[in-house]
Amino acid sequence: QSARLGVADFFEHAYVGVMDKRAQLTRILAAHDLAPEET
């Protein structure tokens, strides 16, 4: 879908197939050094 719609390159990283978004959000912040207050 992302390739067909021409938006794949907009994402620095795509986390897909994720059922527990709570846990994954915390991991994304840590992995990419994102400040929560700026996210």
All heavy atoms as atom14 arrays in JSON, in Angstrom:
{
  "sequence": "QSARLGVADFFEHAYVGVMDKRAQLTRILAAHDLAPEET",
  "atom14_mask": [
    [1, 1, 1, 1, 1, 1, 1, 1, 1, 0, 0, 0, 0, 0],
    [1, 1, 1, 1, 1, 1, 0, 0, 0, 0, 0, 0, 0, 0],
    [1, 1, 1, 1, 1, 0, 0, 0, 0, 0, 0, 0, 0, 0],
    [1, 1, 1, 1, 1, 1, 1, 1, 1, 1, 1, 0, 0, 0],
    [1, 1, 1, 1, 1, 1, 1, 1, 0, 0, 0, 0, 0, 0],
    [1, 1, 1, 1, 0, 0, 0, 0, 0, 0, 0, 0, 0, 0],
    [1, 1, 1, 1, 1, 1, 1, 0, 0, 0, 0, 0, 0, 0],
    [1, 1, 1, 1, 1, 0, 0, 0, 0, 0, 0, 0, 0, 0],
    [1, 1, 1, 1, 1, 1, 1, 1, 0, 0, 0, 0, 0, 0],
    [1, 1, 1, 1, 1, 1, 1, 1, 1, 1, 1, 0, 0, 0],
    [1, 1, 1, 1, 1, 1, 1, 1, 1, 1, 1, 0, 0, 0],
    [1, 1, 1, 1, 1, 1, 1, 1, 1, 0, 0, 0, 0, 0],
    [1, 1, 1, 1, 1, 1, 1, 1, 1, 1, 0, 0, 0, 0],
    [1, 1, 1, 1, 1, 0, 0, 0, 0, 0, 0, 0, 0, 0],
    [1, 1, 1, 1, 1, 1, 1, 1, 1, 1, 1, 1, 0, 0],
    [1, 1, 1, 1, 1, 1, 1, 0, 0, 0, 0, 0, 0, 0],
    [1, 1, 1, 1, 0, 0, 0, 0, 0, 0, 0, 0, 0, 0],
    [1, 1, 1, 1, 1, 1, 1, 0, 0, 0, 0, 0, 0, 0],
    [1, 1, 1, 1, 1, 1, 1, 1, 0, 0, 0, 0, 0, 0],
    [1, 1, 1, 1, 1, 1, 1, 1, 0, 0, 0, 0, 0, 0],
    [1, 1, 1, 1, 1, 1, 1, 1, 1, 0, 0, 0, 0, 0],
    [1, 1, 1, 1, 1, 1, 1, 1, 1, 1, 1, 0, 0, 0],
    [1, 1, 1, 1, 1, 0, 0, 0, 0, 0, 0, 0, 0, 0],
    [1, 1, 1, 1, 1, 1, 1, 1, 1, 0, 0, 0, 0, 0],
    [1, 1, 1, 1, 1, 1, 1, 1, 0, 0, 0, 0, 0, 0],
    [1, 1, 1, 1, 1, 1, 1, 0, 0, 0, 0, 0, 0, 0],
    [1, 1, 1, 1, 1, 1, 1, 1, 1, 1, 1, 0, 0, 0],
    [1, 1, 1, 1, 1, 1, 1, 1, 0, 0, 0, 0, 0, 0],
    [1, 1, 1, 1, 1, 1, 1, 1, 0, 0, 0, 0, 0, 0],
    [1, 1, 1, 1, 1, 0, 0, 0, 0, 0, 0, 0, 0, 0],
    [1, 1, 1, 1, 1, 0, 0, 0, 0, 0, 0, 0, 0, 0],
    [1, 1, 1, 1, 1, 1, 1, 1, 1, 1, 0, 0, 0, 0],
    [1, 1, 1, 1, 1, 1, 1, 1, 0, 0, 0, 0, 0, 0],
    [1, 1, 1, 1, 1, 1, 1, 1, 0, 0, 0, 0, 0, 0],
    [1, 1, 1, 1, 1, 0, 0, 0, 0, 0, 0, 0, 0, 0],
    [1, 1, 1, 1, 1, 1, 1, 0, 0, 0, 0, 0, 0, 0],
    [1, 1, 1, 1, 1, 1, 1, 1, 1, 0, 0, 0, 0, 0],
    [1, 1, 1, 1, 1, 1, 1, 1, 1, 0, 0, 0, 0, 0],
    [1, 1, 1, 1, 1, 1, 1, 0, 0, 0, 0, 0, 0, 0]
  ],
  "atom14_positions": [
    [[0.82, -1.21, 0.0], [0.0, 0.0, 0.0], [0.85, 1.26, 0.0], [0.6, 2.2, -0.76], [-0.93, 0.0, 1.22], [-2.03, -1.03, 1.17], [-2.91, -0.96, 2.41], [-3.18, 0.11, 2.94], [-3.36, -2.11, 2.88], [0.0, 0.0, 0.0], [0.0, 0.0, 0.0], [0.0, 0.0, 0.0], [0.0, 0.0, 0.0], [0.0, 0.0, 0.0]],
    [[1.86, 1.31, 0.85], [2.67, 2.53, 0.96], [3.45, 2.8, -0.32], [3.62, 3.96, -0.72], [3.62, 2.44, 2.15], [4.52, 1.35, 2.01], [0.0, 0.0, 0.0], [0.0, 0.0, 0.0], [0.0, 0.0, 0.0], [0.0, 0.0, 0.0], [0.0, 0.0, 0.0], [0.0, 0.0, 0.0], [0.0, 0.0, 0.0], [0.0, 0.0, 0.0]],
    [[3.91, 1.73, -0.99], [4.62, 1.92, -2.25], [3.65, 2.39, -3.34], [3.96, 3.3, -4.11], [5.29, 0.61, -2.66], [0.0, 0.0, 0.0], [0.0, 0.0, 0.0], [0.0, 0.0, 0.0], [0.0, 0.0, 0.0], [0.0, 0.0, 0.0], [0.0, 0.0, 0.0], [0.0, 0.0, 0.0], [0.0, 0.0, 0.0], [0.0, 0.0, 0.0]],
    [[2.47, 1.77, -3.4], [1.5, 2.13, -4.43], [0.99, 3.55, -4.24], [0.74, 4.28, -5.22], [0.32, 1.14, -4.4], [-0.81, 1.47, -5.36], [-1.75, 0.29, -5.54], [-2.15, -0.27, -4.26], [-3.16, 0.21, -3.51], [-3.84, 1.27, -3.93], [-3.49, -0.36, -2.37], [0.0, 0.0, 0.0], [0.0, 0.0, 0.0], [0.0, 0.0, 0.0]],
    [[0.86, 3.98, -3.0], [0.35, 5.32, -2.71], [1.45, 6.38, -2.69], [1.17, 7.57, -2.52], [-0.39, 5.31, -1.37], [-1.63, 4.43, -1.31], [-2.16, 4.33, 0.11], [-2.71, 4.94, -2.25], [0.0, 0.0, 0.0], [0.0, 0.0, 0.0], [0.0, 0.0, 0.0], [0.0, 0.0, 0.0], [0.0, 0.0, 0.0], [0.0, 0.0, 0.0]],
    [[2.71, 5.96, -2.83], [3.81, 6.91, -2.92], [4.21, 7.58, -1.62], [4.7, 8.71, -1.64], [0.0, 0.0, 0.0], [0.0, 0.0, 0.0], [0.0, 0.0, 0.0], [0.0, 0.0, 0.0], [0.0, 0.0, 0.0], [0.0, 0.0, 0.0], [0.0, 0.0, 0.0], [0.0, 0.0, 0.0], [0.0, 0.0, 0.0], [0.0, 0.0, 0.0]],
    [[4.03, 6.9, -0.48], [4.34, 7.54, 0.81], [5.38, 6.76, 1.62], [5.71, 7.16, 2.72], [3.07, 7.71, 1.66], [2.09, 8.65, 0.97], [2.41, 6.37, 1.97], [0.0, 0.0, 0.0], [0.0, 0.0, 0.0], [0.0, 0.0, 0.0], [0.0, 0.0, 0.0], [0.0, 0.0, 0.0], [0.0, 0.0, 0.0], [0.0, 0.0, 0.0]],
    [[5.92, 5.68, 1.07], [6.83, 4.84, 1.85], [8.05, 5.62, 2.33], [8.54, 5.4, 3.45], [7.26, 3.63, 1.01], [0.0, 0.0, 0.0], [0.0, 0.0, 0.0], [0.0, 0.0, 0.0], [0.0, 0.0, 0.0], [0.0, 0.0, 0.0], [0.0, 0.0, 0.0], [0.0, 0.0, 0.0], [0.0, 0.0, 0.0], [0.0, 0.0, 0.0]],
    [[8.55, 6.54, 1.51], [9.79, 7.25, 1.85], [9.61, 8.35, 2.89], [10.6, 8.94, 3.32], [10.4, 7.85, 0.58], [10.91, 6.77, -0.37], [11.14, 5.64, 0.08], [11.08, 7.08, -1.57], [0.0, 0.0, 0.0], [0.0, 0.0, 0.0], [0.0, 0.0, 0.0], [0.0, 0.0, 0.0], [0.0, 0.0, 0.0], [0.0, 0.0, 0.0]],
    [[8.38, 8.63, 3.26], [8.17, 9.68, 4.27], [8.51, 9.2, 5.68], [8.73, 10.03, 6.56], [6.72, 10.17, 4.23], [6.41, 11.1, 3.09], [5.84, 10.63, 1.93], [6.71, 12.46, 3.18], [5.56, 11.48, 0.87], [6.43, 13.32, 2.15], [5.86, 12.83, 0.98], [0.0, 0.0, 0.0], [0.0, 0.0, 0.0], [0.0, 0.0, 0.0]],
    [[8.54, 7.89, 5.9], [8.68, 7.37, 7.25], [10.14, 7.02, 7.54], [10.77, 6.27, 6.79], [7.81, 6.13, 7.45], [6.36, 6.39, 7.18], [5.76, 5.93, 6.01], [5.59, 7.11, 8.06], [4.43, 6.18, 5.74], [4.25, 7.38, 7.8], [3.67, 6.91, 6.64], [0.0, 0.0, 0.0], [0.0, 0.0, 0.0], [0.0, 0.0, 0.0]],
    [[10.65, 7.56, 8.64], [12.0, 7.21, 9.07], [12.07, 5.73, 9.44], [13.07, 5.06, 9.18], [12.4, 8.08, 10.25], [13.82, 7.88, 10.73], [14.23, 8.9, 11.77], [13.74, 10.06, 11.72], [15.04, 8.55, 12.64], [0.0, 0.0, 0.0], [0.0, 0.0, 0.0], [0.0, 0.0, 0.0], [0.0, 0.0, 0.0], [0.0, 0.0, 0.0]],
    [[11.01, 5.22, 10.03], [10.92, 3.79, 10.34], [9.45, 3.44, 10.46], [8.66, 4.21, 11.01], [11.65, 3.47, 11.65], [11.87, 1.99, 11.84], [13.1, 1.4, 11.63], [11.04, 1.0, 12.2], [13.01, 0.1, 11.85], [11.76, -0.17, 12.21], [0.0, 0.0, 0.0], [0.0, 0.0, 0.0], [0.0, 0.0, 0.0], [0.0, 0.0, 0.0]],
    [[9.07, 2.27, 9.95], [7.69, 1.8, 10.03], [7.63, 0.58, 10.94], [8.25, -0.45, 10.63], [7.16, 1.46, 8.65], [0.0, 0.0, 0.0], [0.0, 0.0, 0.0], [0.0, 0.0, 0.0], [0.0, 0.0, 0.0], [0.0, 0.0, 0.0], [0.0, 0.0, 0.0], [0.0, 0.0, 0.0], [0.0, 0.0, 0.0], [0.0, 0.0, 0.0]],
    [[6.9, 0.71, 12.03], [6.68, -0.42, 12.94], [5.29, -0.96, 12.64], [4.28, -0.32, 12.97], [6.78, 0.05, 14.39], [8.16, 0.53, 14.77], [8.54, 1.85, 14.57], [9.1, -0.34, 15.32], [9.81, 2.3, 14.9], [10.37, 0.1, 15.66], [10.72, 1.41, 15.45], [11.98, 1.85, 15.79], [0.0, 0.0, 0.0], [0.0, 0.0, 0.0]],
    [[5.23, -2.11, 11.99], [3.95, -2.67, 11.56], [3.76, -4.06, 12.16], [4.7, -4.67, 12.69], [3.87, -2.72, 10.02], [3.88, -1.32, 9.44], [5.02, -3.53, 9.43], [0.0, 0.0, 0.0], [0.0, 0.0, 0.0], [0.0, 0.0, 0.0], [0.0, 0.0, 0.0], [0.0, 0.0, 0.0], [0.0, 0.0, 0.0], [0.0, 0.0, 0.0]],
    [[2.52, -4.53, 12.1], [2.2, -5.81, 12.72], [2.26, -5.74, 14.23], [2.47, -6.76, 14.9], [0.0, 0.0, 0.0], [0.0, 0.0, 0.0], [0.0, 0.0, 0.0], [0.0, 0.0, 0.0], [0.0, 0.0, 0.0], [0.0, 0.0, 0.0], [0.0, 0.0, 0.0], [0.0, 0.0, 0.0], [0.0, 0.0, 0.0], [0.0, 0.0, 0.0]],
    [[2.05, -4.55, 14.79], [2.2, -4.34, 16.24], [0.82, -4.41, 16.89], [-0.08, -3.65, 16.55], [2.84, -2.97, 16.53], [2.91, -2.73, 18.04], [4.23, -2.89, 15.9], [0.0, 0.0, 0.0], [0.0, 0.0, 0.0], [0.0, 0.0, 0.0], [0.0, 0.0, 0.0], [0.0, 0.0, 0.0], [0.0, 0.0, 0.0], [0.0, 0.0, 0.0]],
    [[0.68, -5.31, 17.84], [-0.57, -5.43, 18.57], [-0.56, -4.62, 19.86], [-1.57, -4.06, 20.27], [-0.85, -6.9, 18.87], [-1.07, -7.77, 17.63], [-2.52, -7.22, 16.64], [-1.73, -6.4, 15.24], [0.0, 0.0, 0.0], [0.0, 0.0, 0.0], [0.0, 0.0, 0.0], [0.0, 0.0, 0.0], [0.0, 0.0, 0.0], [0.0, 0.0, 0.0]],
    [[0.58, -4.56, 20.54], [0.69, -3.82, 21.8], [1.38, -2.48, 21.54], [2.6, -2.37, 21.63], [1.46, -4.64, 22.84], [1.5, -3.96, 24.22], [0.95, -2.84, 24.34], [2.07, -4.56, 25.14], [0.0, 0.0, 0.0], [0.0, 0.0, 0.0], [0.0, 0.0, 0.0], [0.0, 0.0, 0.0], [0.0, 0.0, 0.0], [0.0, 0.0, 0.0]],
    [[0.6, -1.48, 21.2], [1.17, -0.18, 20.85], [1.73, 0.53, 22.08], [2.65, 1.35, 21.96], [0.13, 0.69, 20.16], [-0.28, 0.15, 18.79], [-1.31, 1.04, 18.13], [-1.73, 0.48, 16.78], [-2.76, 1.32, 16.12], [0.0, 0.0, 0.0], [0.0, 0.0, 0.0], [0.0, 0.0, 0.0], [0.0, 0.0, 0.0], [0.0, 0.0, 0.0]],
    [[1.2, 0.24, 23.25], [1.7, 0.88, 24.46], [3.2, 0.59, 24.64], [4.01, 1.5, 24.8], [0.93, 0.39, 25.69], [-0.51, 0.84, 25.76], [-1.17, 0.2, 26.98], [-2.5, 0.72, 27.24], [-3.61, 0.23, 26.7], [-3.53, -0.79, 25.87], [-4.79, 0.76, 26.98], [0.0, 0.0, 0.0], [0.0, 0.0, 0.0], [0.0, 0.0, 0.0]],
    [[3.54, -0.69, 24.62], [4.93, -1.08, 24.83], [5.82, -0.61, 23.69], [6.95, -0.15, 23.9], [5.03, -2.6, 24.99], [0.0, 0.0, 0.0], [0.0, 0.0, 0.0], [0.0, 0.0, 0.0], [0.0, 0.0, 0.0], [0.0, 0.0, 0.0], [0.0, 0.0, 0.0], [0.0, 0.0, 0.0], [0.0, 0.0, 0.0], [0.0, 0.0, 0.0]],
    [[5.31, -0.69, 22.46], [6.13, -0.32, 21.31], [6.41, 1.17, 21.27], [7.49, 1.6, 20.87], [5.44, -0.75, 20.03], [6.32, -0.59, 18.78], [7.56, -1.43, 18.84], [7.5, -2.64, 19.04], [8.72, -0.81, 18.7], [0.0, 0.0, 0.0], [0.0, 0.0, 0.0], [0.0, 0.0, 0.0], [0.0, 0.0, 0.0], [0.0, 0.0, 0.0]],
    [[5.47, 2.0, 21.69], [5.7, 3.44, 21.72], [6.89, 3.78, 22.61], [7.74, 4.59, 22.25], [4.45, 4.17, 22.22], [3.48, 4.71, 21.18], [2.28, 5.35, 21.86], [4.16, 5.71, 20.26], [0.0, 0.0, 0.0], [0.0, 0.0, 0.0], [0.0, 0.0, 0.0], [0.0, 0.0, 0.0], [0.0, 0.0, 0.0], [0.0, 0.0, 0.0]],
    [[6.94, 3.15, 23.77], [8.05, 3.4, 24.69], [9.37, 2.98, 24.06], [10.38, 3.67, 24.18], [7.83, 2.64, 26.01], [6.59, 3.09, 26.59], [8.95, 2.9, 26.98], [0.0, 0.0, 0.0], [0.0, 0.0, 0.0], [0.0, 0.0, 0.0], [0.0, 0.0, 0.0], [0.0, 0.0, 0.0], [0.0, 0.0, 0.0], [0.0, 0.0, 0.0]],
    [[9.37, 1.85, 23.35], [10.59, 1.39, 22.69], [11.0, 2.33, 21.56], [12.2, 2.55, 21.33], [10.39, -0.03, 22.17], [10.33, -1.08, 23.28], [10.45, -2.49, 22.72], [9.23, -2.91, 22.05], [8.25, -3.6, 22.64], [8.35, -3.93, 23.92], [7.17, -3.96, 21.96], [0.0, 0.0, 0.0], [0.0, 0.0, 0.0], [0.0, 0.0, 0.0]],
    [[10.03, 2.89, 20.84], [10.35, 3.83, 19.77], [11.03, 5.07, 20.33], [12.03, 5.57, 19.78], [9.07, 4.21, 18.99], [8.55, 3.02, 18.2], [9.34, 5.38, 18.04], [7.19, 3.24, 17.56], [0.0, 0.0, 0.0], [0.0, 0.0, 0.0], [0.0, 0.0, 0.0], [0.0, 0.0, 0.0], [0.0, 0.0, 0.0], [0.0, 0.0, 0.0]],
    [[10.52, 5.59, 21.43], [11.13, 6.76, 22.04], [12.58, 6.5, 22.39], [13.47, 7.33, 22.13], [10.36, 7.16, 23.3], [8.91, 7.64, 23.11], [8.25, 7.86, 24.46], [8.86, 8.92, 22.28], [0.0, 0.0, 0.0], [0.0, 0.0, 0.0], [0.0, 0.0, 0.0], [0.0, 0.0, 0.0], [0.0, 0.0, 0.0], [0.0, 0.0, 0.0]],
    [[12.84, 5.34, 22.97], [14.2, 5.01, 23.37], [15.1, 4.75, 22.17], [16.24, 5.22, 22.12], [14.19, 3.79, 24.3], [0.0, 0.0, 0.0], [0.0, 0.0, 0.0], [0.0, 0.0, 0.0], [0.0, 0.0, 0.0], [0.0, 0.0, 0.0], [0.0, 0.0, 0.0], [0.0, 0.0, 0.0], [0.0, 0.0, 0.0], [0.0, 0.0, 0.0]],
    [[14.59, 4.02, 21.18], [15.42, 3.64, 20.04], [15.85, 4.83, 19.2], [16.95, 4.84, 18.63], [14.67, 2.63, 19.17], [0.0, 0.0, 0.0], [0.0, 0.0, 0.0], [0.0, 0.0, 0.0], [0.0, 0.0, 0.0], [0.0, 0.0, 0.0], [0.0, 0.0, 0.0], [0.0, 0.0, 0.0], [0.0, 0.0, 0.0], [0.0, 0.0, 0.0]],
    [[14.99, 5.85, 19.12], [15.28, 7.0, 18.26], [15.57, 8.27, 19.05], [15.65, 9.36, 18.46], [14.11, 7.23, 17.3], [13.86, 6.07, 16.39], [14.59, 5.83, 15.24], [12.98, 5.03, 16.48], [14.16, 4.73, 14.65], [13.18, 4.23, 15.38], [0.0, 0.0, 0.0], [0.0, 0.0, 0.0], [0.0, 0.0, 0.0], [0.0, 0.0, 0.0]],
    [[15.73, 8.13, 20.36], [16.1, 9.26, 21.21], [15.12, 10.42, 21.06], [15.5, 11.57, 20.85], [17.52, 9.71, 20.88], [18.13, 10.58, 21.99], [17.68, 10.45, 23.14], [19.04, 11.37, 21.69], [0.0, 0.0, 0.0], [0.0, 0.0, 0.0], [0.0, 0.0, 0.0], [0.0, 0.0, 0.0], [0.0, 0.0, 0.0], [0.0, 0.0, 0.0]],
    [[13.83, 10.09, 21.14], [12.78, 11.1, 21.0], [12.35, 11.6, 22.36], [12.07, 10.81, 23.27], [11.56, 10.51, 20.27], [11.81, 9.8, 18.93], [10.49, 9.31, 18.35], [12.53, 10.7, 17.96], [0.0, 0.0, 0.0], [0.0, 0.0, 0.0], [0.0, 0.0, 0.0], [0.0, 0.0, 0.0], [0.0, 0.0, 0.0], [0.0, 0.0, 0.0]],
    [[12.3, 12.9, 22.51], [11.8, 13.49, 23.76], [10.28, 13.35, 23.79], [9.6, 13.79, 22.86], [12.2, 14.95, 23.85], [0.0, 0.0, 0.0], [0.0, 0.0, 0.0], [0.0, 0.0, 0.0], [0.0, 0.0, 0.0], [0.0, 0.0, 0.0], [0.0, 0.0, 0.0], [0.0, 0.0, 0.0], [0.0, 0.0, 0.0], [0.0, 0.0, 0.0]],
    [[9.7, 12.74, 24.84], [8.24, 12.55, 24.87], [7.47, 13.85, 24.72], [6.42, 13.88, 24.06], [8.0, 11.92, 26.26], [9.3, 11.23, 26.58], [10.37, 12.11, 25.99], [0.0, 0.0, 0.0], [0.0, 0.0, 0.0], [0.0, 0.0, 0.0], [0.0, 0.0, 0.0], [0.0, 0.0, 0.0], [0.0, 0.0, 0.0], [0.0, 0.0, 0.0]],
    [[7.98, 14.92, 25.33], [7.26, 16.2, 25.27], [7.3, 16.82, 23.88], [6.56, 17.78, 23.6], [7.83, 17.18, 26.29], [9.25, 17.66, 26.04], [10.31, 16.7, 26.58], [9.95, 15.58, 26.99], [11.49, 17.11, 26.59], [0.0, 0.0, 0.0], [0.0, 0.0, 0.0], [0.0, 0.0, 0.0], [0.0, 0.0, 0.0], [0.0, 0.0, 0.0]],
    [[8.12, 16.3, 22.97], [8.2, 16.8, 21.6], [7.61, 15.81, 20.6], [7.81, 15.95, 19.39], [9.66, 17.09, 21.23], [10.31, 18.17, 22.09], [11.75, 18.43, 21.7], [12.32, 17.61, 20.93], [12.31, 19.42, 22.17], [0.0, 0.0, 0.0], [0.0, 0.0, 0.0], [0.0, 0.0, 0.0], [0.0, 0.0, 0.0], [0.0, 0.0, 0.0]],
    [[6.91, 14.8, 21.11], [6.44, 13.7, 20.27], [4.94, 13.53, 20.4], [4.39, 13.66, 21.5], [7.15, 12.4, 20.67], [8.57, 12.59, 20.6], [6.75, 11.24, 19.76], [0.0, 0.0, 0.0], [0.0, 0.0, 0.0], [0.0, 0.0, 0.0], [0.0, 0.0, 0.0], [0.0, 0.0, 0.0], [0.0, 0.0, 0.0], [0.0, 0.0, 0.0]]
  ]
}
